[in-house]
Amino acid sequence: MKQLWIVLVTVLFISGCASEPEPESFDSVLYDGRPIDTLTSELAPLTEKEAITRGDLALSSGNTDLALYEYIRSLEFEDAKYQDQSLYTIGRIHYSRGNFALSEKAYLMSVEYNPNNAKVLEHLGAMYTKQGNIEQGRSYFFRSVNADQVRLSNTDVFDGDELTVAGIDDLQVDNSSPALAYMGLGVLYDVEANHEIAKAFLHKALKIKPGSVKALINLGYSYYMNGEYNDAQRFTLAALEKSPNNENALNNLALIYLGKGEIKRAINVFMRHMDAAEALNNVGYFLILQGKPDKAIPYLEQAIDKKPSYYKVANENLERAVAEVRANKPKDTEPES
């Protein structure tokens, strides 16, 4: 009898262990953080929305490891509906941490769930462009713009091979449109010296985000590159009204003044965020680039006087300016015999 009791207890114990729930599975392919068993002691979320809410709370408090964990768990539910959005957020977290491989993986997975997620497409475009993969970046920017046109019920497919200013102007946008995609395309076409197309894209970006300092700076620079200095100055000053110490805007404004021949104003603008020697050297350098080496020489000499033992770059620029002046000087003709 005693032996039977022991057997029964053993059977009950084994049966009890077998009936306990299996440990929760976790797909760690998109996770990169501290050990997950240190993240939370809460019970597993019961729904996709609960997991996403937990992720949002963790992200808002700066706990990105826990946020990643919760967003990834939200993908596991069979009835999940928001995978593309969760994967977009996962990609953003990885990108902010400099983990571009996992960011790319999350974004591409998001596109598999929803090929028309304009935000994901524009961030893929920005990522590839920043990595130097210009054509792939451009392709995703166009896909983002077209996805947004689908959202806005514009049935015309935007063909990047047949770009016109009028066609860009006809694109529909609202405050949810992918401003980064429009801005990215504007910058790419500026680099290719197609400034009219660039300006059309940048105006769209500014329409989406009227207060965007980046859009104002890029649009001002596009006008500068096209020699339209008054418009360039207008948009650049608008950027500086919103961000008075923005170095990119200050540098661009100084270049605009140089383009207009207002050298003293250019120096004053440069000196708002650098010392006098650097400002004078910059003026000299850009005057050389503008094909005015003779005008550059006195400013480079002043830069050297400000920092004679330190400012090696000004000496190099001065040598270049002098060499160009000599090269451009007409040769004396020999007298006839």
Protein backbone atom coordinates (compact mmCIF):
# COMPACT_ATOMS: atom_id res chain seq x y z
CA MET A 1 0.00 0.00 0.00
CA LYS A 2 2.81 2.36 0.85
CA GLN A 3 4.44 1.66 -2.48
CA LEU A 4 1.16 2.38 -4.32
CA TRP A 5 0.86 5.75 -2.54
CA ILE A 6 4.36 6.71 -3.64
CA VAL A 7 3.56 5.78 -7.22
CA LEU A 8 0.35 7.82 -7.16
CA VAL A 9 2.14 10.87 -5.77
CA THR A 10 4.81 10.53 -8.42
CA VAL A 11 2.24 10.25 -11.18
CA LEU A 12 0.32 13.26 -9.88
CA PHE A 13 3.51 15.30 -9.63
CA ILE A 14 4.57 14.44 -13.17
CA SER A 15 1.08 15.14 -14.48
CA GLY A 16 1.03 18.49 -12.71
CA CYS A 17 4.32 19.53 -14.31
CA ALA A 18 3.11 18.50 -17.73
CA SER A 19 -0.04 20.58 -17.41
CA GLU A 20 1.83 23.83 -16.69
CA PRO A 21 1.92 26.29 -19.65
CA GLU A 22 4.91 26.19 -21.93
CA PRO A 23 7.36 29.10 -21.58
CA GLU A 24 6.46 32.05 -23.82
CA SER A 25 8.30 32.02 -27.14
CA PHE A 26 10.17 35.18 -28.15
CA ASP A 27 11.60 35.83 -31.60
CA SER A 28 14.82 37.67 -30.80
CA VAL A 29 15.91 38.29 -34.39
CA LEU A 30 14.97 41.99 -34.06
CA TYR A 31 16.08 42.36 -30.46
CA ASP A 32 19.39 43.85 -29.40
CA GLY A 33 19.53 44.77 -25.73
CA ARG A 34 20.13 43.52 -22.27
CA PRO A 35 18.89 40.01 -21.27
CA ILE A 36 15.12 39.85 -21.59
CA ASP A 37 14.68 38.21 -18.18
CA THR A 38 15.91 41.46 -16.62
CA LEU A 39 13.40 43.68 -18.43
CA THR A 40 10.06 43.11 -16.70
CA SER A 41 8.29 40.94 -14.15
CA GLU A 42 4.83 41.58 -15.59
CA LEU A 43 2.73 38.79 -17.01
CA ALA A 44 2.76 38.44 -20.79
CA PRO A 45 0.40 40.81 -22.65
CA LEU A 46 -2.91 39.26 -23.65
CA THR A 47 -3.45 41.28 -26.84
CA GLU A 48 -1.47 43.07 -29.52
CA LYS A 49 -2.76 46.45 -28.35
CA GLU A 50 -1.69 45.75 -24.77
CA ALA A 51 1.83 44.92 -25.95
CA ILE A 52 1.98 48.07 -28.08
CA THR A 53 0.73 50.20 -25.18
CA ARG A 54 3.44 48.75 -22.95
CA GLY A 55 5.99 49.50 -25.65
CA ASP A 56 4.77 53.08 -25.99
CA LEU A 57 5.03 53.63 -22.23
CA ALA A 58 8.54 52.16 -22.10
CA LEU A 59 9.64 54.27 -25.05
CA SER A 60 8.24 57.46 -23.54
CA SER A 61 10.22 56.79 -20.37
CA GLY A 62 13.45 56.16 -22.31
CA ASN A 63 13.58 52.40 -21.69
CA THR A 64 14.28 51.40 -25.29
CA ASP A 65 15.25 47.81 -24.46
CA LEU A 66 11.87 47.18 -22.85
CA ALA A 67 10.12 49.05 -25.66
CA LEU A 68 11.78 46.80 -28.25
CA TYR A 69 10.80 43.72 -26.26
CA GLU A 70 7.15 44.74 -26.05
CA TYR A 71 6.86 45.83 -29.67
CA ILE A 72 8.40 42.56 -30.82
CA ARG A 73 5.98 40.62 -28.61
CA SER A 74 3.10 42.49 -30.25
CA LEU A 75 4.03 40.86 -33.56
CA GLU A 76 3.39 37.34 -32.24
CA PHE A 77 -0.40 37.52 -32.03
CA GLU A 78 -2.27 35.66 -34.76
CA ASP A 79 -4.90 38.40 -35.02
CA ALA A 80 -2.32 41.24 -35.09
CA LYS A 81 -3.28 44.18 -37.31
CA TYR A 82 -0.57 46.75 -36.69
CA GLN A 83 2.61 44.86 -37.55
CA ASP A 84 3.78 47.43 -40.09
CA GLN A 85 3.50 50.25 -37.56
CA SER A 86 5.20 48.27 -34.80
CA LEU A 87 8.02 47.28 -37.15
CA TYR A 88 8.38 50.92 -38.19
CA THR A 89 8.85 51.91 -34.55
CA ILE A 90 11.29 49.04 -34.02
CA GLY A 91 13.26 50.29 -37.01
CA ARG A 92 13.30 53.83 -35.65
CA ILE A 93 14.63 52.65 -32.30
CA HIS A 94 17.44 50.69 -33.92
CA TYR A 95 18.27 53.61 -36.21
CA SER A 96 18.52 55.99 -33.25
CA ARG A 97 20.99 53.56 -31.67
CA GLY A 98 23.11 53.34 -34.81
CA ASN A 99 22.14 49.74 -35.49
CA PHE A 100 21.41 50.25 -39.18
CA ALA A 101 21.32 46.57 -40.13
CA LEU A 102 18.48 45.80 -37.73
CA SER A 103 16.77 49.06 -38.61
CA GLU A 104 16.80 48.12 -42.29
CA LYS A 105 15.55 44.62 -41.47
CA ALA A 106 12.61 45.97 -39.47
CA TYR A 107 11.70 48.51 -42.16
CA LEU A 108 11.77 45.90 -44.93
CA MET A 109 9.62 43.56 -42.85
CA SER A 110 7.18 46.42 -42.33
CA VAL A 111 6.92 46.96 -46.10
CA GLU A 112 6.09 43.27 -46.51
CA TYR A 113 3.07 43.76 -44.26
CA ASN A 114 2.07 47.07 -45.86
CA PRO A 115 3.72 48.10 -49.16
CA ASN A 116 2.04 51.52 -48.92
CA ASN A 117 3.36 52.67 -45.57
CA ALA A 118 4.74 56.00 -46.76
CA LYS A 119 6.62 56.71 -43.54
CA VAL A 120 8.56 53.45 -43.69
CA LEU A 121 9.34 53.95 -47.37
CA GLU A 122 10.68 57.48 -46.81
CA HIS A 123 12.90 56.33 -43.94
CA LEU A 124 14.31 53.55 -46.12
CA GLY A 125 14.99 56.22 -48.74
CA ALA A 126 16.78 58.41 -46.21
CA MET A 127 18.81 55.48 -44.87
CA TYR A 128 20.00 54.31 -48.28
CA THR A 129 20.78 57.86 -49.40
CA LYS A 130 22.83 58.52 -46.28
CA GLN A 131 24.75 55.30 -46.91
CA GLY A 132 25.61 56.50 -50.43
CA ASN A 133 23.18 54.21 -52.24
CA ILE A 134 21.65 57.13 -54.09
CA GLU A 135 19.52 55.35 -56.68
CA GLN A 136 17.99 52.96 -54.17
CA GLY A 137 17.30 55.89 -51.86
CA ARG A 138 15.69 57.84 -54.68
CA SER A 139 13.55 54.80 -55.56
CA TYR A 140 12.17 54.52 -52.03
CA PHE A 141 11.52 58.26 -51.89
CA PHE A 142 9.41 57.95 -55.05
CA ARG A 143 7.62 54.91 -53.64
CA SER A 144 6.82 56.92 -50.52
CA VAL A 145 5.38 59.79 -52.56
CA ASN A 146 3.27 57.39 -54.63
CA ALA A 147 2.04 55.56 -51.53
CA ASP A 148 0.93 58.90 -50.12
CA GLN A 149 -0.92 59.69 -53.35
CA VAL A 150 -2.78 56.38 -52.92
CA ARG A 151 -3.74 57.45 -49.39
CA LEU A 152 -5.00 60.77 -50.72
CA SER A 153 -6.98 59.05 -53.52
CA ASN A 154 -4.86 60.53 -56.29
CA THR A 155 -4.96 57.81 -58.95
CA ASP A 156 -2.16 59.29 -61.09
CA VAL A 157 1.04 57.26 -60.67
CA PHE A 158 4.00 59.56 -60.20
CA ASP A 159 6.71 58.56 -62.67
CA GLY A 160 10.18 59.62 -61.61
CA ASP A 161 11.44 59.16 -65.20
CA GLU A 162 9.30 62.00 -66.55
CA LEU A 163 9.64 64.76 -64.00
CA THR A 164 8.20 68.20 -64.60
CA VAL A 165 7.64 71.09 -62.25
CA ALA A 166 3.96 71.10 -63.19
CA GLY A 167 3.68 67.39 -62.38
CA ILE A 168 5.24 67.91 -58.95
CA ASP A 169 2.98 70.89 -58.30
CA ASP A 170 -0.06 68.70 -59.01
CA LEU A 171 0.83 66.22 -56.27
CA GLN A 172 -1.60 66.25 -53.35
CA VAL A 173 -0.24 66.68 -49.83
CA ASP A 174 -1.49 67.26 -46.30
CA ASN A 175 0.19 67.47 -42.91
CA SER A 176 0.56 63.66 -42.81
CA SER A 177 2.43 63.45 -46.13
CA PRO A 178 6.08 62.28 -46.16
CA ALA A 179 7.93 65.59 -45.95
CA LEU A 180 11.25 63.78 -45.60
CA ALA A 181 10.74 62.05 -48.96
CA TYR A 182 10.00 65.34 -50.72
CA MET A 183 12.96 66.99 -49.02
CA GLY A 184 15.25 64.08 -49.88
CA LEU A 185 14.28 64.25 -53.53
CA GLY A 186 14.84 68.00 -53.51
CA VAL A 187 18.36 67.60 -52.15
CA LEU A 188 19.19 64.83 -54.65
CA TYR A 189 18.11 66.95 -57.61
CA ASP A 190 19.98 69.96 -56.26
CA VAL A 191 23.17 67.87 -56.17
CA GLU A 192 22.52 67.02 -59.83
CA ALA A 193 22.11 70.75 -60.60
CA ASN A 194 18.46 70.26 -61.56
CA HIS A 195 17.42 73.18 -59.39
CA GLU A 196 13.94 73.82 -60.79
CA ILE A 197 12.87 70.25 -60.02
CA ALA A 198 14.63 70.47 -56.65
CA LYS A 199 12.79 73.65 -55.71
CA ALA A 200 9.44 72.12 -56.67
CA PHE A 201 10.02 69.17 -54.33
CA LEU A 202 11.26 71.42 -51.53
CA HIS A 203 8.26 73.72 -51.81
CA LYS A 204 6.07 70.63 -51.33
CA ALA A 205 8.06 69.70 -48.21
CA LEU A 206 7.56 73.21 -46.87
CA LYS A 207 3.84 73.03 -47.61
CA ILE A 208 3.64 69.83 -45.55
CA LYS A 209 5.70 71.33 -42.70
CA PRO A 210 5.55 75.13 -42.98
CA GLY A 211 7.70 75.62 -39.90
CA SER A 212 10.43 73.15 -40.85
CA VAL A 213 13.85 74.73 -40.40
CA LYS A 214 15.43 72.01 -42.57
CA ALA A 215 12.98 72.63 -45.40
CA LEU A 216 13.61 76.39 -45.24
CA ILE A 217 17.40 75.92 -45.22
CA ASN A 218 17.35 73.46 -48.12
CA LEU A 219 15.00 75.64 -50.16
CA GLY A 220 17.15 78.70 -49.53
CA TYR A 221 20.24 76.78 -50.58
CA SER A 222 18.51 75.58 -53.75
CA TYR A 223 17.78 79.17 -54.72
CA TYR A 224 21.39 80.07 -53.90
CA MET A 225 22.70 77.28 -56.13
CA ASN A 226 20.54 78.64 -58.95
CA GLY A 227 21.88 82.17 -58.47
CA GLU A 228 18.56 83.52 -57.15
CA TYR A 229 20.11 85.31 -54.20
CA ASN A 230 17.15 87.39 -53.05
CA ASP A 231 14.86 84.37 -52.72
CA ALA A 232 17.71 82.42 -51.16
CA GLN A 233 18.17 85.16 -48.56
CA ARG A 234 14.43 85.28 -47.82
CA PHE A 235 14.10 81.58 -47.02
CA THR A 236 17.40 81.44 -45.13
CA LEU A 237 16.46 84.39 -42.94
CA ALA A 238 13.11 82.69 -42.27
CA ALA A 239 15.04 79.64 -41.04
CA LEU A 240 17.18 81.83 -38.79
CA GLU A 241 14.10 83.46 -37.29
CA LYS A 242 13.10 80.03 -36.03
CA SER A 243 16.62 78.84 -35.18
CA PRO A 244 18.94 81.87 -34.74
CA ASN A 245 22.08 79.84 -34.03
CA ASN A 246 21.68 77.23 -36.75
CA GLU A 247 25.17 76.87 -38.25
CA ASN A 248 23.99 75.55 -41.60
CA ALA A 249 21.67 78.51 -42.04
CA LEU A 250 24.38 80.96 -40.95
CA ASN A 251 26.91 79.48 -43.36
CA ASN A 252 24.39 79.60 -46.19
CA LEU A 253 23.50 83.21 -45.43
CA ALA A 254 27.19 84.15 -45.53
CA LEU A 255 27.53 82.41 -48.92
CA ILE A 256 24.48 84.29 -50.19
CA TYR A 257 26.04 87.62 -49.15
CA LEU A 258 29.27 86.63 -50.90
CA GLY A 259 27.26 85.80 -54.01
CA LYS A 260 25.74 89.28 -53.85
CA GLY A 261 29.19 90.84 -53.37
CA GLU A 262 28.44 91.93 -49.79
CA ILE A 263 31.71 90.68 -48.31
CA LYS A 264 31.61 92.57 -45.00
CA ARG A 265 28.14 91.22 -44.24
CA ALA A 266 29.38 87.72 -45.04
CA ILE A 267 32.26 88.11 -42.56
CA ASN A 268 29.90 89.35 -39.86
CA VAL A 269 27.61 86.35 -40.36
CA PHE A 270 30.50 83.87 -40.23
CA MET A 271 31.75 85.52 -37.04
CA ARG A 272 28.44 84.77 -35.32
CA HIS A 273 29.60 81.19 -34.81
CA MET A 274 33.38 81.17 -35.41
CA ASP A 275 36.42 83.28 -34.61
CA ALA A 276 37.71 86.07 -36.85
CA ALA A 277 40.57 84.08 -38.40
CA GLU A 278 38.27 81.25 -39.47
CA ALA A 279 35.69 83.70 -40.81
CA LEU A 280 38.30 85.54 -42.89
CA ASN A 281 39.70 82.28 -44.21
CA ASN A 282 36.21 81.09 -45.18
CA VAL A 283 35.55 84.31 -47.08
CA GLY A 284 38.86 83.96 -48.91
CA TYR A 285 38.23 80.30 -49.72
CA PHE A 286 34.74 80.90 -51.14
CA LEU A 287 35.95 83.90 -53.16
CA ILE A 288 38.47 81.53 -54.77
CA LEU A 289 35.65 79.11 -55.57
CA GLN A 290 33.70 81.99 -57.12
CA GLY A 291 36.62 82.67 -59.45
CA LYS A 292 37.79 85.79 -57.61
CA PRO A 293 41.26 84.83 -56.28
CA ASP A 294 42.48 88.44 -56.45
CA LYS A 295 39.76 89.52 -54.03
CA ALA A 296 40.47 86.52 -51.78
CA ILE A 297 44.12 87.40 -51.13
CA PRO A 298 43.66 90.29 -48.62
CA TYR A 299 41.19 88.31 -46.52
CA LEU A 300 43.48 85.28 -46.40
CA GLU A 301 46.38 87.52 -45.39
CA GLN A 302 44.25 88.94 -42.58
CA ALA A 303 43.38 85.41 -41.44
CA ILE A 304 47.08 84.55 -41.27
CA ASP A 305 47.83 87.74 -39.32
CA LYS A 306 45.18 86.75 -36.77
CA LYS A 307 46.77 83.30 -36.21
CA PRO A 308 50.25 83.29 -37.82
CA SER A 309 51.52 80.10 -36.17
CA TYR A 310 48.28 78.16 -36.27
CA TYR A 311 46.36 78.91 -39.41
CA LYS A 312 48.00 76.50 -41.86
CA VAL A 313 44.85 76.20 -43.97
CA ALA A 314 44.80 79.94 -44.65
CA ASN A 315 48.40 79.76 -45.90
CA GLU A 316 47.46 76.93 -48.25
CA ASN A 317 44.47 78.89 -49.54
CA LEU A 318 46.65 81.97 -50.01
CA GLU A 319 49.16 79.98 -52.07
CA ARG A 320 46.28 78.70 -54.21
CA ALA A 321 44.87 82.21 -54.69
CA VAL A 322 48.24 83.65 -55.68
CA ALA A 323 48.84 80.78 -58.10
CA GLU A 324 45.46 81.32 -59.74
CA VAL A 325 46.05 85.07 -60.06
CA ARG A 326 49.38 84.38 -61.77
CA ALA A 327 47.82 81.77 -64.05
CA ASN A 328 45.07 84.18 -65.07
CA LYS A 329 47.44 87.09 -65.71
CA PRO A 330 47.83 87.84 -69.43
CA LYS A 331 51.29 87.07 -70.74
CA ASP A 332 53.30 89.97 -72.18
CA THR A 333 53.60 89.74 -75.92
CA GLU A 334 57.12 89.80 -77.30
CA PRO A 335 58.01 92.91 -79.34
CA GLU A 336 58.13 92.50 -83.08
CA SER A 337 61.63 92.35 -84.57
